[in-house]
Amino acid sequence: MITVSLCMIVKNEEDIIERCLNSIYDIVDEIIIVDTGSTDQTKSIVQKYTDLIYDFVWVDDFAAARNYAFNQATKQYIFWLDADDILMEKDRIKFASLKKTLEPSIDSVTMNYHLAFDEFGEVTTSLRRNRVVKRSNQFQWIGAVHEYLEVWGSIINSDIAVTHNSSHHDSERNLRIYENRLSLGEQFSPRDLYYFANELLDHRRFDESIRFYEKFLTTGKGWVEDNISACGKLADAFHKLGDHQNEFRSCLRSFQFGPPRAEFCCRIGYHFLDQNNIQSSIFWYTLATQLELSNESWGVVTPVYSTWLPHLQLCVCYDKIGKYQLAYQQNEAARSYRPNDKRIIQNKLYLESRLGREFSGKEETVRV
């Protein structure tokens, strides 16, 4: 059985650190905590779980802090988490099993990272990250902000998930780091341009975010998943500015970087639905239902766009043109994913009424 060091960097996490450590402390063999300047009770709480607590002077560089934490590890493999991450019980069981069965020839194990959930507890946003890596390879973190772990060799994709439980952090921190670097005249890499644009978008600085997304795409050197994501985020920025034509063009632009994605098909479908171009809307929403969702994608995965949402929107489209049987079938397809969604249940009752009687002229509509 392999041995595992848990490595974390923390700062002022007293509200959540215990929840995180409770989900993993009895599975790993060593816990390394690197504190970057806590002024609350974080260290006191952590002392209940480990004596391996190190101070690291914060230098506006996440990779530097994570690499320092990795350097303190002594076990065969390193597992990393943030303080607002946890392992759910089913994933704890899978992790314990992984420790018993992992071949020492494996250099890295990836895990899903569940970022957001709907009201029914279903995952709405996820991505995949290298989570367990062989210590002897001395893999390094790269990037002052939105850092990534550079790995190579034999990599396996596990079905274990780390669940993100969002907590409050300094919302200006990452933006401040980027702006300080710019003020010092640093030349941003394509990856930095992309993530800086994301920070600008998150801070509602839409015109600036558009400028930096364009700079990023113009380099022609971005990771394909970031290129596609940038098109979606450009569409978001243009939408916020009320520029729906450029929002539409940004969706189409994503097709330069790969086959159509369900997210963009749905966005284009909505564009035509908003213009009351129902047949075009039906085409794009139907295409979204036909696209397969990969569980091993390294980009952000949003199942909503290829599962219930396009079916619900097709229900709306068919209802608008009086094709109630087709509308009912699409609503039932949506209901197979979300059987307790009140909107879908109301649509079912409405369409059953439609199909069971002659049209009375009464104004009714499906729910979206």
Protein backbone atom coordinates (compact mmCIF):
# COMPACT_ATOMS: atom_id res chain seq x y z
CA MET A 1 0.00 0.00 0.00
CA ILE A 2 1.33 3.44 -0.89
CA THR A 3 1.81 6.22 1.66
CA VAL A 4 0.40 9.72 1.12
CA SER A 5 1.25 13.19 2.40
CA LEU A 6 -1.56 15.75 2.40
CA CYS A 7 -0.16 19.20 1.57
CA MET A 8 -2.17 22.39 2.09
CA ILE A 9 -1.53 26.13 2.11
CA VAL A 10 -3.86 28.10 4.36
CA LYS A 11 -4.61 31.55 5.71
CA ASN A 12 -7.42 32.54 8.09
CA GLU A 13 -9.43 29.37 7.55
CA GLU A 14 -10.82 28.91 11.09
CA ASP A 15 -14.40 28.55 9.84
CA ILE A 16 -13.72 25.69 7.42
CA ILE A 17 -10.37 23.99 8.02
CA GLU A 18 -11.77 21.47 10.50
CA ARG A 19 -14.46 20.39 8.04
CA CYS A 20 -11.78 19.78 5.41
CA LEU A 21 -9.39 17.87 7.66
CA ASN A 22 -12.15 15.74 9.17
CA SER A 23 -12.86 14.42 5.68
CA ILE A 24 -9.31 13.19 5.04
CA TYR A 25 -7.10 13.02 8.18
CA ASP A 26 -7.63 9.30 8.84
CA ILE A 27 -6.83 8.29 5.25
CA VAL A 28 -3.51 10.06 4.66
CA ASP A 29 -0.27 9.23 6.43
CA GLU A 30 1.03 12.74 6.96
CA ILE A 31 -0.50 16.23 7.01
CA ILE A 32 1.63 19.20 5.97
CA ILE A 33 0.11 22.61 6.66
CA VAL A 34 1.81 25.75 5.34
CA ASP A 35 0.37 28.92 6.86
CA THR A 36 0.83 32.12 4.86
CA GLY A 37 -0.06 34.58 7.62
CA SER A 38 -3.17 33.59 9.57
CA THR A 39 -4.33 36.01 12.25
CA ASP A 40 -7.25 33.87 13.48
CA GLN A 41 -7.41 30.44 15.15
CA THR A 42 -6.44 28.42 12.06
CA LYS A 43 -3.16 27.14 13.49
CA SER A 44 -4.71 26.19 16.82
CA ILE A 45 -7.36 24.12 15.05
CA VAL A 46 -4.82 22.47 12.76
CA GLN A 47 -2.69 21.41 15.76
CA LYS A 48 -5.38 18.87 16.63
CA TYR A 49 -4.52 17.02 13.42
CA THR A 50 -0.79 17.52 12.86
CA ASP A 51 2.42 18.95 14.28
CA LEU A 52 3.78 19.60 10.81
CA ILE A 53 2.81 23.27 10.57
CA TYR A 54 5.12 25.65 8.74
CA ASP A 55 5.08 29.41 8.27
CA PHE A 56 5.66 30.86 4.83
CA VAL A 57 6.03 34.57 4.20
CA TRP A 58 3.49 35.48 1.54
CA VAL A 59 5.12 36.84 -1.64
CA ASP A 60 2.04 37.13 -3.90
CA ASP A 61 2.89 33.78 -5.48
CA PHE A 62 0.67 30.74 -4.98
CA ALA A 63 3.04 28.40 -6.81
CA ALA A 64 5.90 29.37 -4.49
CA ALA A 65 3.78 28.54 -1.43
CA ARG A 66 2.57 25.23 -2.84
CA ASN A 67 6.07 24.19 -3.89
CA TYR A 68 7.29 24.95 -0.37
CA ALA A 69 4.52 22.75 1.04
CA PHE A 70 5.41 19.92 -1.36
CA ASN A 71 9.06 20.18 -0.31
CA GLN A 72 8.10 19.33 3.29
CA ALA A 73 6.41 16.05 2.35
CA THR A 74 8.14 12.74 3.15
CA LYS A 75 5.72 10.05 1.93
CA GLN A 76 5.62 8.29 -1.45
CA TYR A 77 2.80 10.38 -2.89
CA ILE A 78 1.47 13.88 -2.31
CA PHE A 79 -2.23 14.77 -2.22
CA TRP A 80 -3.23 18.44 -2.19
CA LEU A 81 -6.39 20.23 -1.11
CA ASP A 82 -7.57 23.75 -0.39
CA ALA A 83 -9.24 24.53 2.92
CA ASP A 84 -12.67 24.84 1.30
CA ASP A 85 -12.43 21.35 -0.25
CA ILE A 86 -13.75 18.13 1.24
CA LEU A 87 -14.08 14.47 0.34
CA MET A 88 -17.63 13.15 0.54
CA GLU A 89 -18.06 9.74 2.20
CA LYS A 90 -18.23 7.81 -1.09
CA ASP A 91 -15.03 9.49 -2.22
CA ARG A 92 -13.31 8.79 1.10
CA ILE A 93 -14.01 5.09 0.52
CA LYS A 94 -12.65 5.28 -3.03
CA PHE A 95 -9.53 7.11 -1.86
CA ALA A 96 -8.83 4.48 0.80
CA SER A 97 -9.20 1.81 -1.88
CA LEU A 98 -6.88 3.73 -4.21
CA LYS A 99 -4.15 3.69 -1.57
CA LYS A 100 -4.34 -0.09 -1.40
CA THR A 101 -4.35 -0.71 -5.14
CA LEU A 102 -2.28 2.05 -6.76
CA GLU A 103 0.73 0.71 -8.65
CA PRO A 104 3.98 2.47 -7.66
CA SER A 105 4.70 3.01 -11.36
CA ILE A 106 1.89 5.60 -11.55
CA ASP A 107 3.15 9.18 -11.57
CA SER A 108 -0.14 11.04 -11.14
CA VAL A 109 -3.78 10.36 -10.36
CA THR A 110 -6.40 12.83 -11.55
CA MET A 111 -9.69 13.45 -9.76
CA ASN A 112 -12.83 15.32 -10.65
CA TYR A 113 -13.27 18.66 -8.93
CA HIS A 114 -16.95 19.36 -8.25
CA LEU A 115 -17.38 23.12 -8.18
CA ALA A 116 -21.13 23.80 -8.17
CA PHE A 117 -24.41 21.99 -7.57
CA ASP A 118 -28.07 22.59 -8.34
CA GLU A 119 -30.91 22.63 -5.84
CA PHE A 120 -31.20 18.83 -6.15
CA GLY A 121 -27.56 18.24 -5.30
CA GLU A 122 -26.54 17.35 -8.85
CA VAL A 123 -23.16 18.54 -10.10
CA THR A 124 -23.51 21.50 -12.47
CA THR A 125 -19.84 22.44 -12.92
CA SER A 126 -16.73 20.31 -12.66
CA LEU A 127 -13.26 19.87 -14.06
CA ARG A 128 -10.37 17.42 -13.69
CA ARG A 129 -7.09 18.03 -11.86
CA ASN A 130 -3.92 16.15 -11.00
CA ARG A 131 -4.44 15.46 -7.28
CA VAL A 132 -2.11 12.65 -6.19
CA VAL A 133 1.45 12.81 -7.51
CA LYS A 134 4.63 10.83 -6.92
CA ARG A 135 6.87 12.81 -4.58
CA SER A 136 10.14 11.53 -6.05
CA ASN A 137 9.32 13.15 -9.39
CA GLN A 138 9.51 16.59 -7.75
CA PHE A 139 6.69 17.99 -9.84
CA GLN A 140 6.51 21.77 -9.65
CA TRP A 141 3.69 24.27 -9.40
CA ILE A 142 3.82 27.05 -11.98
CA GLY A 143 2.13 30.46 -11.95
CA ALA A 144 1.78 33.16 -9.31
CA VAL A 145 -2.02 33.08 -9.65
CA HIS A 146 -4.28 30.27 -10.88
CA GLU A 147 -1.26 28.03 -10.58
CA TYR A 148 -1.07 24.60 -12.16
CA LEU A 149 0.90 21.47 -11.38
CA GLU A 150 3.17 20.40 -14.24
CA VAL A 151 3.22 16.61 -14.42
CA TRP A 152 4.29 13.92 -16.87
CA GLY A 153 4.67 10.18 -17.10
CA SER A 154 2.04 7.58 -16.32
CA ILE A 155 -1.22 9.34 -15.45
CA ILE A 156 -4.54 7.68 -14.62
CA ASN A 157 -7.98 9.24 -14.37
CA SER A 158 -9.85 8.13 -11.25
CA ASP A 159 -13.55 8.44 -10.48
CA ILE A 160 -12.80 10.04 -7.12
CA ALA A 161 -14.14 13.56 -6.67
CA VAL A 162 -13.01 16.44 -4.50
CA THR A 163 -15.95 18.64 -3.57
CA HIS A 164 -15.53 22.39 -3.37
CA ASN A 165 -17.50 24.04 -0.55
CA SER A 166 -17.14 27.71 -1.33
CA SER A 167 -15.95 30.06 1.39
CA HIS A 168 -15.24 33.76 1.58
CA HIS A 169 -11.81 34.89 0.45
CA ASP A 170 -10.29 38.23 -0.41
CA SER A 171 -12.05 38.82 -3.73
CA GLU A 172 -9.52 41.46 -4.71
CA ARG A 173 -6.43 39.32 -4.01
CA ASN A 174 -5.88 37.72 -7.42
CA LEU A 175 -6.77 40.88 -9.31
CA ARG A 176 -4.37 42.86 -7.14
CA ILE A 177 -1.53 40.42 -7.83
CA TYR A 178 -2.07 40.65 -11.58
CA GLU A 179 -2.28 44.44 -11.58
CA ASN A 180 0.90 44.71 -9.50
CA ARG A 181 2.70 42.49 -11.98
CA LEU A 182 1.45 44.60 -14.87
CA SER A 183 2.57 47.81 -13.16
CA LEU A 184 6.08 46.34 -12.91
CA GLY A 185 6.13 45.86 -16.66
CA GLU A 186 5.90 42.08 -16.63
CA GLN A 187 4.99 40.44 -19.93
CA PHE A 188 2.05 38.12 -19.35
CA SER A 189 2.05 34.61 -20.74
CA PRO A 190 -1.05 33.56 -22.72
CA ARG A 191 -2.28 31.75 -19.61
CA ASP A 192 -1.85 34.90 -17.51
CA LEU A 193 -3.75 36.96 -20.10
CA TYR A 194 -6.64 34.50 -19.92
CA TYR A 195 -6.85 34.39 -16.13
CA PHE A 196 -6.40 38.15 -15.79
CA ALA A 197 -9.32 38.60 -18.19
CA ASN A 198 -11.33 36.22 -15.98
CA GLU A 199 -10.60 38.36 -12.93
CA LEU A 200 -11.65 41.51 -14.80
CA LEU A 201 -14.88 39.81 -15.88
CA ASP A 202 -15.61 38.67 -12.32
CA HIS A 203 -15.14 42.27 -11.17
CA ARG A 204 -17.58 43.52 -13.83
CA ARG A 205 -14.87 45.39 -15.74
CA PHE A 206 -16.36 44.14 -18.98
CA ASP A 207 -14.62 46.35 -21.55
CA GLU A 208 -11.21 45.59 -20.05
CA SER A 209 -11.95 41.88 -19.88
CA ILE A 210 -12.87 41.86 -23.57
CA ARG A 211 -9.57 43.55 -24.41
CA PHE A 212 -7.54 40.94 -22.55
CA TYR A 213 -9.53 37.98 -23.88
CA GLU A 214 -8.77 39.30 -27.36
CA LYS A 215 -5.08 39.64 -26.48
CA PHE A 216 -5.11 36.07 -25.23
CA LEU A 217 -6.80 34.65 -28.34
CA THR A 218 -4.59 36.70 -30.63
CA THR A 219 -1.47 35.00 -29.28
CA GLY A 220 -2.61 31.74 -30.87
CA LYS A 221 -0.79 29.92 -28.06
CA GLY A 222 -3.56 29.22 -25.59
CA TRP A 223 -4.61 25.78 -24.41
CA VAL A 224 -7.57 24.71 -26.53
CA GLU A 225 -9.90 24.46 -23.51
CA ASP A 226 -8.96 28.01 -22.46
CA ASN A 227 -9.54 29.21 -26.04
CA ILE A 228 -13.03 27.74 -26.03
CA SER A 229 -13.74 29.05 -22.54
CA ALA A 230 -12.55 32.53 -23.57
CA CYS A 231 -15.16 32.57 -26.33
CA GLY A 232 -17.85 31.79 -23.79
CA LYS A 233 -16.60 34.44 -21.41
CA LEU A 234 -16.43 36.99 -24.23
CA ALA A 235 -20.06 36.14 -24.91
CA ASP A 236 -20.80 36.74 -21.20
CA ALA A 237 -19.09 40.14 -21.29
CA PHE A 238 -20.89 41.25 -24.45
CA HIS A 239 -24.18 40.05 -22.96
CA LYS A 240 -23.63 42.20 -19.88
CA LEU A 241 -22.93 45.17 -22.16
CA GLY A 242 -26.12 44.51 -24.15
CA ASP A 243 -24.14 43.79 -27.32
CA HIS A 244 -26.04 40.72 -28.48
CA GLN A 245 -24.55 40.56 -31.96
CA ASN A 246 -21.01 40.25 -30.62
CA GLU A 247 -22.31 37.83 -28.00
CA PHE A 248 -23.62 35.69 -30.87
CA ARG A 249 -20.37 36.01 -32.84
CA SER A 250 -18.36 34.95 -29.79
CA CYS A 251 -20.37 31.74 -29.57
CA LEU A 252 -19.73 30.98 -33.24
CA ARG A 253 -16.06 31.80 -32.74
CA SER A 254 -15.72 28.84 -30.39
CA PHE A 255 -16.13 26.53 -33.40
CA GLN A 256 -12.67 27.60 -34.61
CA PHE A 257 -11.14 25.58 -31.81
CA GLY A 258 -13.05 22.32 -32.02
CA PRO A 259 -16.41 20.68 -32.70
CA PRO A 260 -19.53 22.44 -31.37
CA ARG A 261 -19.99 22.22 -27.61
CA ALA A 262 -23.43 21.86 -26.07
CA GLU A 263 -23.04 25.10 -24.11
CA PHE A 264 -22.62 27.15 -27.27
CA CYS A 265 -25.39 25.31 -29.08
CA CYS A 266 -27.74 26.25 -26.24
CA ARG A 267 -26.60 29.86 -26.29
CA ILE A 268 -27.12 30.08 -30.03
CA GLY A 269 -30.48 28.36 -29.64
CA TYR A 270 -31.51 31.01 -27.12
CA HIS A 271 -30.32 33.77 -29.46
CA PHE A 272 -32.71 32.55 -32.16
CA LEU A 273 -35.51 31.87 -29.67
CA ASP A 274 -35.21 35.46 -28.46
CA GLN A 275 -35.63 36.58 -32.07
CA ASN A 276 -38.65 34.27 -32.45
CA ASN A 277 -36.76 32.30 -35.11
CA ILE A 278 -38.15 29.04 -33.77
CA GLN A 279 -36.91 26.64 -36.45
CA SER A 280 -33.32 27.81 -36.08
CA SER A 281 -33.66 27.59 -32.31
CA ILE A 282 -34.94 24.01 -32.60
CA PHE A 283 -31.95 23.07 -34.76
CA TRP A 284 -29.39 24.28 -32.22
CA TYR A 285 -31.12 22.92 -29.14
CA THR A 286 -31.55 19.54 -30.86
CA LEU A 287 -27.84 19.50 -31.67
CA ALA A 288 -27.07 20.17 -28.00
CA THR A 289 -29.01 17.03 -26.99
CA GLN A 290 -26.96 14.93 -29.42
CA LEU A 291 -23.52 15.90 -28.16
CA GLU A 292 -21.82 13.49 -25.77
CA LEU A 293 -20.50 14.69 -22.43
CA SER A 294 -17.01 13.44 -21.60
CA ASN A 295 -16.26 12.56 -17.98
CA GLU A 296 -12.54 12.78 -18.72
CA SER A 297 -12.47 16.28 -20.17
CA TRP A 298 -9.82 18.56 -18.69
CA GLY A 299 -11.91 21.63 -19.36
CA VAL A 300 -14.86 22.87 -17.33
CA VAL A 301 -17.78 20.45 -17.67
CA THR A 302 -21.34 21.79 -17.36
CA PRO A 303 -23.77 18.87 -17.83
CA VAL A 304 -26.83 21.11 -17.80
CA TYR A 305 -26.29 22.11 -21.44
CA SER A 306 -26.39 18.56 -22.77
CA THR A 307 -28.98 17.09 -20.42
CA TRP A 308 -32.24 18.66 -19.24
CA LEU A 309 -31.87 22.30 -20.37
CA PRO A 310 -31.97 21.85 -24.17
CA HIS A 311 -34.92 19.46 -23.82
CA LEU A 312 -36.80 22.01 -21.72
CA GLN A 313 -36.05 24.72 -24.27
CA LEU A 314 -37.21 22.46 -27.09
CA CYS A 315 -40.43 22.03 -25.16
CA VAL A 316 -40.80 25.82 -25.22
CA CYS A 317 -40.08 25.97 -28.95
CA TYR A 318 -42.56 23.28 -29.90
CA ASP A 319 -45.22 24.80 -27.66
CA LYS A 320 -44.79 28.13 -29.42
CA ILE A 321 -45.56 26.58 -32.82
CA GLY A 322 -48.42 24.45 -31.53
CA LYS A 323 -46.68 21.06 -31.73
CA TYR A 324 -47.83 19.96 -28.31
CA GLN A 325 -47.03 16.26 -28.65
CA LEU A 326 -43.40 17.08 -29.45
CA ALA A 327 -43.36 19.64 -26.66
CA TYR A 328 -44.63 16.97 -24.25
CA GLN A 329 -41.97 14.49 -25.38
CA GLN A 330 -39.21 17.03 -24.83
CA ASN A 331 -40.57 17.97 -21.42
CA GLU A 332 -40.60 14.29 -20.47
CA ALA A 333 -36.97 14.03 -21.58
CA ALA A 334 -36.14 16.97 -19.31
CA ARG A 335 -38.15 15.36 -16.49
CA SER A 336 -36.03 12.20 -16.73
CA TYR A 337 -33.11 14.32 -15.49
CA ARG A 338 -35.04 16.50 -13.02
CA PRO A 339 -38.16 14.63 -11.89
CA ASN A 340 -38.85 17.06 -9.04
CA ASP A 341 -38.43 20.33 -10.95
CA LYS A 342 -41.63 22.31 -10.37
CA ARG A 343 -41.43 24.03 -13.75
CA ILE A 344 -41.21 20.71 -15.57
CA ILE A 345 -44.05 19.23 -13.53
CA GLN A 346 -46.22 22.27 -14.33
CA ASN A 347 -45.37 21.89 -18.01
CA LYS A 348 -46.42 18.25 -17.88
CA LEU A 349 -49.84 19.13 -16.45
CA TYR A 350 -50.31 21.98 -18.91
CA LEU A 351 -49.36 19.89 -21.96
CA GLU A 352 -51.47 16.94 -20.86
CA SER A 353 -54.38 19.37 -20.69
CA ARG A 354 -53.53 20.69 -24.14
CA LEU A 355 -53.36 17.23 -25.62
CA GLY A 356 -56.61 16.17 -23.94
CA ARG A 357 -58.89 18.89 -25.30
CA GLU A 358 -59.45 21.23 -28.20
CA PHE A 359 -57.61 24.55 -28.14
CA SER A 360 -59.84 27.02 -26.26
CA GLY A 361 -57.99 30.22 -27.06
CA LYS A 362 -56.99 30.69 -23.45
CA GLU A 363 -53.47 32.15 -23.11
CA GLU A 364 -51.23 29.55 -21.51
CA THR A 365 -47.56 28.74 -21.87
CA VAL A 366 -44.92 26.35 -20.66
CA ARG A 367 -42.53 27.25 -17.85
CA VAL A 368 -38.81 27.74 -18.39
